[in-house]
Amino acid sequence: MNLHQLEYIIAVDTYRHFVRAAEKTFVTQPTLSMMIQKLEEELGILIFDRSKQPVVPTVEGKEVIHRAKQIIADVNRLKEFAYSLQHEITGELRLAVIPTLAPYLLPLFLKSFAAQHPQLKITIRELATDSIIHSLKSGETDIGLLATPLNDLKLEEHPVFDEEFFAYTAQGERAAKKKYLLPKDIDLSRLWLLEEGHCLRNQVLDLCELKRKDLENDQLQYQTGSIETLKNLVDHHQGTTILPHLATLGLSKKQKENLREFADPKPVRQISLVVNKNFHRTRLLQSLKKEIEKQLPDVIGKTKKKKVMAI
């Protein structure tokens, strides 16, 4: 038994295809198949059911693969630890960020973080929450930056800050008449929402106790994936929308007159760095977390000192 064999069974489990797994591990398909077969013979266990397409692990194989991932992760941690004693952070960081966070948070820390690690290649993608979760599990993404908790046993969450929600409401709306709002103060028939697939939409629906059927009779419905579009709709077509705190920092003085705080307990979302359970680049993760926390405006993340309602 060797580490290559363990990497091969992990690859087949990930891609559920021997040819693709061979391509990803840079060996020929016959070599990969032979090495896996030798491992099965050595263990006396059939790891994959080859009669099914796509190929799937057997019950016993799932446990072998789980332990193989733990072993590979431990070996990688050991390698990184030894390397980090004498070298700076290098290689590639594939970062995925939810769209309701990316345009407001990335400019705060990305330049300084990149300057700290000039030998690190950083690739960033904006993805919806479900896509980030999938890419973390498949190995296409190293670190996700998104709202949590996800309650996924295959992922590990590292909370960075809490982000408060504000109502952004046109003057003349019912919500504009109050300094501190309760969710019931918002006219749901005049609430602008992000399109389905965005976690912020679900958080707003939970906050307002709003169901899909409540939206069906609205005269005007508009679907967008942009918070900026929601703000413009309020500015030009009245109504109300819900904004995370970072999205409010760039508002003009006039626009800030449209902001309303929620009464206690204030609604917040937790923002975390999320990695696969087998992620081993601990030093990189810690460095990224530290830099984000350092560059956050002082007004962000202070909600922990107040009564809050996580959504």
Protein backbone atom coordinates (compact mmCIF):
# COMPACT_ATOMS: atom_id res chain seq x y z
CA MET A 1 0.00 0.00 0.00
CA ASN A 2 1.24 3.52 -0.83
CA LEU A 3 -0.02 7.08 -0.90
CA HIS A 4 -0.51 7.02 -4.67
CA GLN A 5 -3.03 4.22 -4.34
CA LEU A 6 -4.95 6.20 -1.74
CA GLU A 7 -4.95 9.25 -4.03
CA TYR A 8 -6.27 7.11 -6.89
CA ILE A 9 -9.28 5.78 -4.95
CA ILE A 10 -10.06 9.30 -3.75
CA ALA A 11 -9.97 10.56 -7.34
CA VAL A 12 -12.30 7.79 -8.56
CA ASP A 13 -14.68 8.54 -5.71
CA THR A 14 -14.62 12.26 -6.63
CA TYR A 15 -15.11 11.91 -10.39
CA ARG A 16 -16.92 8.53 -10.46
CA HIS A 17 -15.09 7.69 -13.68
CA PHE A 18 -11.79 5.82 -14.06
CA VAL A 19 -10.63 7.67 -17.17
CA ARG A 20 -11.29 11.12 -15.72
CA ALA A 21 -9.73 10.12 -12.40
CA ALA A 22 -6.62 8.97 -14.27
CA GLU A 23 -6.41 12.31 -16.11
CA LYS A 24 -6.69 14.24 -12.84
CA THR A 25 -3.95 12.17 -11.19
CA PHE A 26 -1.69 12.25 -14.27
CA VAL A 27 -1.46 8.50 -14.88
CA THR A 28 -2.85 6.24 -17.56
CA GLN A 29 -6.21 4.62 -16.96
CA PRO A 30 -4.76 1.05 -17.05
CA THR A 31 -2.15 2.04 -14.43
CA LEU A 32 -4.78 3.58 -12.16
CA SER A 33 -7.06 0.54 -12.48
CA MET A 34 -4.20 -1.87 -11.78
CA MET A 35 -3.05 0.04 -8.70
CA ILE A 36 -6.58 0.17 -7.28
CA GLN A 37 -7.04 -3.54 -7.95
CA LYS A 38 -3.80 -4.32 -6.11
CA LEU A 39 -4.98 -2.25 -3.15
CA GLU A 40 -8.29 -4.13 -3.11
CA GLU A 41 -6.44 -7.46 -3.17
CA GLU A 42 -4.11 -6.35 -0.37
CA LEU A 43 -7.01 -5.24 1.83
CA GLY A 44 -9.30 -8.07 0.82
CA ILE A 45 -12.06 -5.51 0.15
CA LEU A 46 -13.86 -4.52 -3.04
CA ILE A 47 -13.68 -0.72 -2.93
CA PHE A 48 -15.74 0.09 -6.06
CA ASP A 49 -18.76 -1.51 -7.66
CA ARG A 50 -17.71 -1.49 -11.31
CA SER A 51 -21.02 -2.93 -12.52
CA LYS A 52 -22.69 0.43 -12.07
CA GLN A 53 -22.29 3.54 -14.18
CA PRO A 54 -21.11 5.88 -12.94
CA VAL A 55 -18.92 3.74 -10.73
CA VAL A 56 -19.80 3.91 -7.02
CA PRO A 57 -17.96 2.80 -3.87
CA THR A 58 -19.20 -0.21 -1.96
CA VAL A 59 -20.29 0.11 1.65
CA GLU A 60 -16.85 -1.08 2.79
CA GLY A 61 -15.22 1.09 0.12
CA LYS A 62 -16.80 4.25 1.52
CA GLU A 63 -15.09 3.64 4.85
CA VAL A 64 -11.75 2.90 3.17
CA ILE A 65 -12.01 6.12 1.12
CA HIS A 66 -12.94 8.12 4.23
CA ARG A 67 -9.84 6.86 6.03
CA ALA A 68 -7.71 7.41 2.94
CA LYS A 69 -8.76 11.08 2.87
CA GLN A 70 -7.77 11.43 6.52
CA ILE A 71 -4.35 9.91 5.84
CA ILE A 72 -3.69 12.12 2.80
CA ALA A 73 -4.82 15.20 4.73
CA ASP A 74 -2.48 14.35 7.61
CA VAL A 75 0.44 13.83 5.23
CA ASN A 76 -0.27 17.15 3.50
CA ARG A 77 -0.45 18.97 6.81
CA LEU A 78 2.90 17.53 7.77
CA LYS A 79 4.41 18.62 4.45
CA GLU A 80 3.00 22.12 4.78
CA PHE A 81 4.19 22.41 8.36
CA ALA A 82 7.72 21.43 7.37
CA TYR A 83 7.66 23.78 4.39
CA SER A 84 6.23 26.71 6.35
CA LEU A 85 9.11 26.59 8.80
CA GLN A 86 11.42 27.97 6.13
CA HIS A 87 9.30 29.29 3.27
CA GLU A 88 6.57 31.82 2.54
CA ILE A 89 3.06 30.95 1.35
CA THR A 90 3.14 30.03 -2.34
CA GLY A 91 1.12 28.08 -4.89
CA GLU A 92 -2.47 28.89 -5.83
CA LEU A 93 -5.50 30.02 -3.85
CA ARG A 94 -8.86 29.37 -5.51
CA LEU A 95 -11.33 31.56 -3.63
CA ALA A 96 -15.10 31.56 -4.20
CA VAL A 97 -17.27 34.39 -2.85
CA ILE A 98 -21.04 34.91 -2.82
CA PRO A 99 -22.20 37.81 -5.06
CA THR A 100 -23.81 39.75 -2.19
CA LEU A 101 -20.42 39.95 -0.48
CA ALA A 102 -17.80 40.06 -3.24
CA PRO A 103 -18.10 43.68 -4.49
CA TYR A 104 -18.05 45.10 -0.98
CA LEU A 105 -15.58 42.90 0.90
CA LEU A 106 -12.96 41.97 -1.71
CA PRO A 107 -11.75 45.56 -2.28
CA LEU A 108 -11.10 45.90 1.44
CA PHE A 109 -8.52 43.13 1.83
CA LEU A 110 -7.51 41.69 -1.56
CA LYS A 111 -4.75 44.17 -2.45
CA SER A 112 -3.04 44.01 0.94
CA PHE A 113 -3.36 40.22 1.15
CA ALA A 114 -1.84 39.77 -2.31
CA ALA A 115 1.00 42.14 -1.38
CA GLN A 116 1.79 40.01 1.68
CA HIS A 117 2.07 36.87 -0.47
CA PRO A 118 3.65 37.82 -3.82
CA GLN A 119 4.35 34.17 -4.70
CA LEU A 120 0.70 33.19 -4.27
CA LYS A 121 -1.51 33.04 -7.37
CA ILE A 122 -5.06 34.06 -6.42
CA THR A 123 -8.06 33.05 -8.53
CA ILE A 124 -11.48 34.40 -7.50
CA ARG A 125 -14.96 33.38 -8.64
CA GLU A 126 -18.36 34.77 -7.70
CA LEU A 127 -20.72 31.86 -7.10
CA ALA A 128 -24.03 31.24 -5.39
CA THR A 129 -23.92 29.35 -2.10
CA ASP A 130 -24.93 25.97 -3.54
CA SER A 131 -22.24 26.24 -6.23
CA ILE A 132 -19.57 27.11 -3.66
CA ILE A 133 -20.54 24.12 -1.53
CA HIS A 134 -20.34 21.83 -4.56
CA SER A 135 -16.97 23.22 -5.67
CA LEU A 136 -15.51 22.86 -2.16
CA LYS A 137 -16.53 19.22 -2.05
CA SER A 138 -15.26 18.49 -5.57
CA GLY A 139 -11.92 20.17 -4.93
CA GLU A 140 -12.42 22.93 -7.52
CA THR A 141 -12.36 25.60 -4.79
CA ASP A 142 -9.91 25.89 -1.89
CA ILE A 143 -11.74 28.40 0.31
CA GLY A 144 -15.28 29.76 0.22
CA LEU A 145 -16.34 33.10 1.66
CA LEU A 146 -20.04 32.98 2.39
CA ALA A 147 -22.87 33.17 4.91
CA THR A 148 -23.07 30.41 7.50
CA PRO A 149 -23.93 28.13 9.21
CA LEU A 150 -24.24 25.56 6.42
CA ASN A 151 -24.66 22.52 8.70
CA ASP A 152 -22.66 20.33 6.33
CA LEU A 153 -20.51 17.66 7.98
CA LYS A 154 -18.12 17.55 5.01
CA LEU A 155 -17.19 21.21 5.41
CA GLU A 156 -15.40 23.19 8.10
CA GLU A 157 -16.51 26.74 8.94
CA HIS A 158 -14.28 29.49 10.34
CA PRO A 159 -16.44 32.51 11.33
CA VAL A 160 -14.91 35.90 10.50
CA PHE A 161 -17.56 38.49 11.35
CA ASP A 162 -21.27 39.16 11.85
CA GLU A 163 -22.97 41.46 9.37
CA GLU A 164 -26.06 43.38 10.38
CA PHE A 165 -29.05 43.89 8.06
CA PHE A 166 -30.66 47.26 7.35
CA ALA A 167 -33.87 48.23 5.61
CA TYR A 168 -33.37 50.56 2.64
CA THR A 169 -36.71 52.24 2.09
CA ALA A 170 -37.99 55.10 -0.03
CA GLN A 171 -39.37 58.16 1.72
CA GLY A 172 -43.13 57.85 1.99
CA GLU A 173 -43.06 54.11 2.61
CA ARG A 174 -44.56 52.77 5.81
CA ALA A 175 -41.15 51.60 7.02
CA ALA A 176 -39.64 55.07 6.52
CA LYS A 177 -41.80 56.52 9.28
CA LYS A 178 -39.98 54.59 12.01
CA LYS A 179 -36.45 54.92 13.36
CA TYR A 180 -36.22 51.29 14.47
CA LEU A 181 -38.11 48.66 12.53
CA LEU A 182 -39.74 45.37 13.28
CA PRO A 183 -40.11 42.95 10.36
CA LYS A 184 -43.89 43.48 10.48
CA ASP A 185 -43.36 47.19 9.69
CA ILE A 186 -42.29 46.33 6.13
CA ASP A 187 -44.97 46.31 3.44
CA LEU A 188 -44.28 42.91 1.91
CA SER A 189 -46.13 43.82 -1.29
CA ARG A 190 -43.53 46.56 -1.87
CA LEU A 191 -40.42 44.57 -0.96
CA TRP A 192 -37.73 44.13 -3.63
CA LEU A 193 -35.91 40.78 -3.46
CA LEU A 194 -32.96 39.07 -5.09
CA GLU A 195 -33.75 36.24 -7.50
CA GLU A 196 -33.94 32.66 -6.23
CA GLY A 197 -30.62 30.94 -5.63
CA HIS A 198 -29.14 33.73 -3.51
CA CYS A 199 -28.75 33.00 0.18
CA LEU A 200 -29.56 36.65 0.98
CA ARG A 201 -33.02 36.17 -0.55
CA ASN A 202 -33.68 33.23 1.76
CA GLN A 203 -32.43 35.20 4.75
CA VAL A 204 -34.79 38.07 3.95
CA LEU A 205 -37.70 35.67 3.49
CA ASP A 206 -36.95 34.18 6.90
CA LEU A 207 -36.65 37.62 8.48
CA CYS A 208 -39.99 38.77 7.12
CA GLU A 209 -41.65 35.36 7.57
CA LEU A 210 -42.48 35.60 3.88
CA LYS A 211 -43.51 32.59 1.81
CA ARG A 212 -43.43 32.05 -1.95
CA LYS A 213 -47.25 32.20 -2.14
CA ASP A 214 -47.16 35.69 -0.65
CA LEU A 215 -45.32 36.92 -3.74
CA GLU A 216 -47.58 35.44 -6.39
CA ASN A 217 -50.14 38.25 -6.41
CA ASP A 218 -47.69 41.14 -6.63
CA GLN A 219 -48.45 43.45 -9.56
CA LEU A 220 -44.79 44.08 -10.34
CA GLN A 221 -42.15 41.38 -9.90
CA TYR A 222 -38.50 41.84 -10.82
CA GLN A 223 -35.71 39.27 -10.49
CA THR A 224 -32.12 40.39 -10.16
CA GLY A 225 -28.88 39.05 -8.78
CA SER A 226 -27.54 42.51 -7.94
CA ILE A 227 -27.86 44.42 -4.69
CA GLU A 228 -27.02 47.60 -6.62
CA THR A 229 -30.10 47.05 -8.80
CA LEU A 230 -32.26 46.67 -5.70
CA LYS A 231 -30.99 49.99 -4.37
CA ASN A 232 -31.71 51.68 -7.70
CA LEU A 233 -35.22 50.26 -7.74
CA VAL A 234 -35.92 51.82 -4.35
CA ASP A 235 -34.38 55.12 -5.49
CA HIS A 236 -36.46 55.33 -8.66
CA HIS A 237 -39.55 53.16 -8.10
CA GLN A 238 -40.15 53.44 -4.34
CA GLY A 239 -40.57 50.34 -2.18
CA THR A 240 -38.14 48.72 0.27
CA THR A 241 -35.27 46.27 0.17
CA ILE A 242 -32.98 44.69 2.77
CA LEU A 243 -29.23 45.39 2.63
CA PRO A 244 -26.28 43.79 4.43
CA HIS A 245 -24.12 46.32 6.28
CA LEU A 246 -21.16 46.31 3.88
CA ALA A 247 -23.47 47.23 0.99
CA THR A 248 -24.49 50.41 2.82
CA LEU A 249 -21.02 51.86 3.33
CA GLY A 250 -20.80 53.38 -0.15
CA LEU A 251 -24.18 55.12 -0.02
CA SER A 252 -24.36 58.84 -0.63
CA LYS A 253 -25.45 61.18 2.15
CA LYS A 254 -28.89 61.40 0.55
CA GLN A 255 -29.19 57.64 0.20
CA LYS A 256 -28.23 57.09 3.83
CA GLU A 257 -31.41 58.98 4.78
CA ASN A 258 -33.27 55.92 3.42
CA LEU A 259 -31.60 53.50 5.86
CA ARG A 260 -33.50 52.17 8.85
CA GLU A 261 -32.14 49.97 11.63
CA PHE A 262 -34.09 47.02 12.95
CA ALA A 263 -35.08 46.97 16.60
CA ASP A 264 -33.42 44.47 18.93
CA PRO A 265 -32.81 41.66 18.42
CA LYS A 266 -31.05 42.94 15.31
CA PRO A 267 -30.93 40.52 12.35
CA VAL A 268 -27.43 39.52 11.27
CA ARG A 269 -25.75 36.99 9.05
CA GLN A 270 -22.54 35.23 9.99
CA ILE A 271 -19.78 35.43 7.37
CA SER A 272 -17.23 32.63 7.41
CA LEU A 273 -14.32 31.15 5.54
CA VAL A 274 -15.37 27.61 4.62
CA VAL A 275 -13.10 24.75 3.57
CA ASN A 276 -13.35 21.05 2.86
CA LYS A 277 -12.72 18.90 5.94
CA ASN A 278 -9.60 17.64 4.16
CA PHE A 279 -8.18 21.12 3.54
CA HIS A 280 -4.61 21.15 4.87
CA ARG A 281 -3.24 24.64 4.15
CA THR A 282 -3.89 25.91 7.65
CA ARG A 283 -1.34 28.70 7.51
CA LEU A 284 -2.90 30.13 4.34
CA LEU A 285 -6.38 30.00 5.87
CA GLN A 286 -5.23 31.73 9.05
CA SER A 287 -3.42 34.44 7.08
CA LEU A 288 -6.50 35.17 4.98
CA LYS A 289 -8.77 35.29 8.01
CA LYS A 290 -6.40 37.61 9.86
CA GLU A 291 -6.16 40.04 6.94
CA ILE A 292 -9.93 40.21 6.42
CA GLU A 293 -10.45 40.93 10.11
CA LYS A 294 -7.73 43.58 10.03
CA GLN A 295 -9.21 45.45 7.03
CA LEU A 296 -12.85 45.41 8.14
CA PRO A 297 -14.28 48.83 9.02
CA ASP A 298 -14.74 49.34 12.76
CA VAL A 299 -18.52 49.45 12.38
CA ILE A 300 -18.64 45.86 11.08
CA GLY A 301 -18.80 42.89 13.38
CA LYS A 302 -19.77 44.82 16.51
CA THR A 303 -23.19 43.19 16.67
CA LYS A 304 -21.87 40.49 18.98
CA LYS A 305 -22.11 43.07 21.75
CA LYS A 306 -25.83 43.60 21.08
CA LYS A 307 -28.87 41.41 21.12
CA VAL A 308 -28.85 39.75 17.71
CA MET A 309 -31.05 37.43 15.71
CA ALA A 310 -29.04 35.18 13.40
CA ILE A 311 -30.80 34.47 10.09
